[in-house]
Amino acid sequence: MLPTVNLQNGQKQDFDTVAIKSRGLGRVINRAGAEQKYLTLPLKGVAESVILPL
């Protein structure tokens, strides 16, 4: 998940967010419980404005 970050005049901004990884258990016959497992991973990033060449 990426947050919206507002930057001014070439400024860089650190931010924290999370990634959510999901995994299906596949086709399991008569298994009780959730079929999908989730793992959250903390992330740190830096937002900056860059010019991309065409």
N, C-alpha and C. Protein backbone atom coordinates (compact mmCIF):
# COMPACT_ATOMS: atom_id res chain seq x y z
N MET A 1 0.85 -1.15 0.00
CA MET A 1 0.00 0.00 0.00
C MET A 1 0.90 1.23 0.00
N LEU A 2 0.68 2.11 -0.97
CA LEU A 2 1.50 3.32 -1.05
C LEU A 2 0.68 4.54 -0.68
N PRO A 3 1.17 5.33 0.27
CA PRO A 3 0.45 6.53 0.67
C PRO A 3 0.66 7.66 -0.34
N THR A 4 -0.25 8.61 -0.38
CA THR A 4 -0.07 9.82 -1.16
C THR A 4 0.90 10.71 -0.38
N VAL A 5 1.93 11.20 -1.07
CA VAL A 5 2.93 12.06 -0.43
C VAL A 5 3.02 13.34 -1.25
N ASN A 6 2.81 14.47 -0.61
CA ASN A 6 2.91 15.77 -1.27
C ASN A 6 4.31 16.33 -1.05
N LEU A 7 4.99 16.65 -2.18
CA LEU A 7 6.37 17.15 -2.12
C LEU A 7 6.43 18.58 -2.63
N GLN A 8 7.42 19.33 -2.15
CA GLN A 8 7.63 20.70 -2.59
C GLN A 8 9.08 20.88 -3.04
N ASN A 9 9.27 21.46 -4.21
CA ASN A 9 10.58 21.92 -4.70
C ASN A 9 11.73 20.93 -4.49
N GLY A 10 11.64 19.75 -5.05
CA GLY A 10 12.72 18.78 -4.98
C GLY A 10 12.93 18.14 -3.62
N GLN A 11 12.01 18.33 -2.73
CA GLN A 11 12.09 17.76 -1.38
C GLN A 11 11.94 16.24 -1.43
N LYS A 12 12.58 15.54 -0.52
CA LYS A 12 12.39 14.10 -0.32
C LYS A 12 11.63 13.90 0.98
N GLN A 13 10.83 12.84 1.05
CA GLN A 13 10.05 12.59 2.26
C GLN A 13 10.10 11.11 2.61
N ASP A 14 10.55 10.76 3.81
CA ASP A 14 10.51 9.38 4.29
C ASP A 14 9.07 9.03 4.65
N PHE A 15 8.71 7.75 4.47
CA PHE A 15 7.39 7.29 4.88
C PHE A 15 7.44 5.82 5.26
N ASP A 16 6.48 5.41 6.07
CA ASP A 16 6.30 4.01 6.46
C ASP A 16 5.00 3.50 5.88
N THR A 17 4.96 2.24 5.52
CA THR A 17 3.75 1.62 5.00
C THR A 17 3.82 0.11 5.25
N VAL A 18 2.90 -0.63 4.69
CA VAL A 18 2.90 -2.09 4.83
C VAL A 18 2.65 -2.76 3.48
N ALA A 19 3.19 -3.94 3.33
CA ALA A 19 2.87 -4.80 2.20
C ALA A 19 2.01 -5.93 2.75
N ILE A 20 1.06 -6.39 1.95
CA ILE A 20 0.21 -7.51 2.34
C ILE A 20 0.42 -8.63 1.33
N LYS A 21 0.95 -9.74 1.81
CA LYS A 21 1.21 -10.90 0.95
C LYS A 21 0.13 -11.93 1.24
N SER A 22 -0.51 -12.44 0.18
CA SER A 22 -1.56 -13.45 0.38
C SER A 22 -1.13 -14.76 -0.26
N ARG A 23 -1.64 -15.84 0.31
CA ARG A 23 -1.32 -17.16 -0.20
C ARG A 23 -2.56 -18.02 -0.07
N GLY A 24 -2.95 -18.65 -1.17
CA GLY A 24 -4.07 -19.57 -1.15
C GLY A 24 -3.59 -20.98 -0.84
N LEU A 25 -4.42 -21.73 -0.16
CA LEU A 25 -4.04 -23.10 0.19
C LEU A 25 -4.33 -24.10 -0.93
N GLY A 26 -4.93 -23.62 -2.00
CA GLY A 26 -5.25 -24.52 -3.11
C GLY A 26 -6.54 -25.26 -2.85
N ARG A 27 -6.79 -26.27 -3.62
CA ARG A 27 -8.02 -27.05 -3.47
C ARG A 27 -7.81 -28.15 -2.45
N VAL A 28 -8.35 -27.90 -1.28
CA VAL A 28 -8.24 -28.88 -0.19
C VAL A 28 -9.66 -29.38 0.10
N ILE A 29 -9.85 -30.68 0.06
CA ILE A 29 -11.17 -31.26 0.26
C ILE A 29 -11.49 -31.35 1.75
N ASN A 30 -12.65 -30.83 2.12
CA ASN A 30 -13.17 -30.91 3.49
C ASN A 30 -12.23 -30.34 4.55
N ARG A 31 -11.58 -29.28 4.24
CA ARG A 31 -10.71 -28.64 5.24
C ARG A 31 -11.47 -27.49 5.90
N ALA A 32 -11.50 -27.48 7.21
CA ALA A 32 -12.17 -26.41 7.93
C ALA A 32 -11.24 -25.21 8.04
N GLY A 33 -11.81 -24.02 8.04
CA GLY A 33 -11.01 -22.81 8.24
C GLY A 33 -10.82 -22.02 6.96
N ALA A 34 -10.05 -20.96 7.08
CA ALA A 34 -9.83 -20.04 5.96
C ALA A 34 -8.98 -20.69 4.87
N GLU A 35 -9.30 -20.36 3.61
CA GLU A 35 -8.53 -20.88 2.48
C GLU A 35 -7.41 -19.93 2.08
N GLN A 36 -7.42 -18.73 2.61
CA GLN A 36 -6.43 -17.73 2.25
C GLN A 36 -5.64 -17.33 3.50
N LYS A 37 -4.34 -17.23 3.37
CA LYS A 37 -3.47 -16.79 4.47
C LYS A 37 -2.87 -15.44 4.09
N TYR A 38 -2.68 -14.55 5.08
CA TYR A 38 -2.14 -13.23 4.84
C TYR A 38 -0.95 -12.98 5.75
N LEU A 39 0.04 -12.27 5.22
CA LEU A 39 1.22 -11.88 5.96
C LEU A 39 1.44 -10.40 5.72
N THR A 40 1.58 -9.61 6.78
CA THR A 40 1.86 -8.19 6.61
C THR A 40 3.34 -7.94 6.87
N LEU A 41 3.92 -7.11 6.04
CA LEU A 41 5.34 -6.79 6.13
C LEU A 41 5.51 -5.28 6.27
N PRO A 42 6.17 -4.80 7.31
CA PRO A 42 6.41 -3.36 7.43
C PRO A 42 7.46 -2.91 6.41
N LEU A 43 7.22 -1.76 5.80
CA LEU A 43 8.14 -1.21 4.80
C LEU A 43 8.47 0.24 5.13
N LYS A 44 9.66 0.67 4.73
CA LYS A 44 10.06 2.07 4.82
C LYS A 44 10.44 2.51 3.42
N GLY A 45 10.10 3.76 3.08
CA GLY A 45 10.41 4.26 1.75
C GLY A 45 10.76 5.73 1.78
N VAL A 46 11.21 6.21 0.62
CA VAL A 46 11.51 7.63 0.43
C VAL A 46 10.81 8.07 -0.84
N ALA A 47 9.96 9.08 -0.73
CA ALA A 47 9.28 9.65 -1.89
C ALA A 47 10.13 10.81 -2.40
N GLU A 48 10.29 10.88 -3.72
CA GLU A 48 10.97 12.02 -4.32
C GLU A 48 10.46 12.20 -5.74
N SER A 49 10.52 13.41 -6.21
CA SER A 49 10.07 13.73 -7.56
C SER A 49 11.26 13.56 -8.51
N VAL A 50 11.09 12.73 -9.55
CA VAL A 50 12.17 12.50 -10.52
C VAL A 50 11.61 12.69 -11.93
N ILE A 51 12.47 13.09 -12.84
CA ILE A 51 12.10 13.23 -14.25
C ILE A 51 12.53 11.96 -14.97
N LEU A 52 11.57 11.30 -15.62
CA LEU A 52 11.86 10.06 -16.34
C LEU A 52 12.08 10.38 -17.82
N PRO A 53 13.15 9.89 -18.43
CA PRO A 53 13.38 10.13 -19.85
C PRO A 53 12.38 9.35 -20.70
N LEU A 54 12.01 9.92 -21.82
CA LEU A 54 11.07 9.23 -22.72
C LEU A 54 11.79 8.38 -23.72
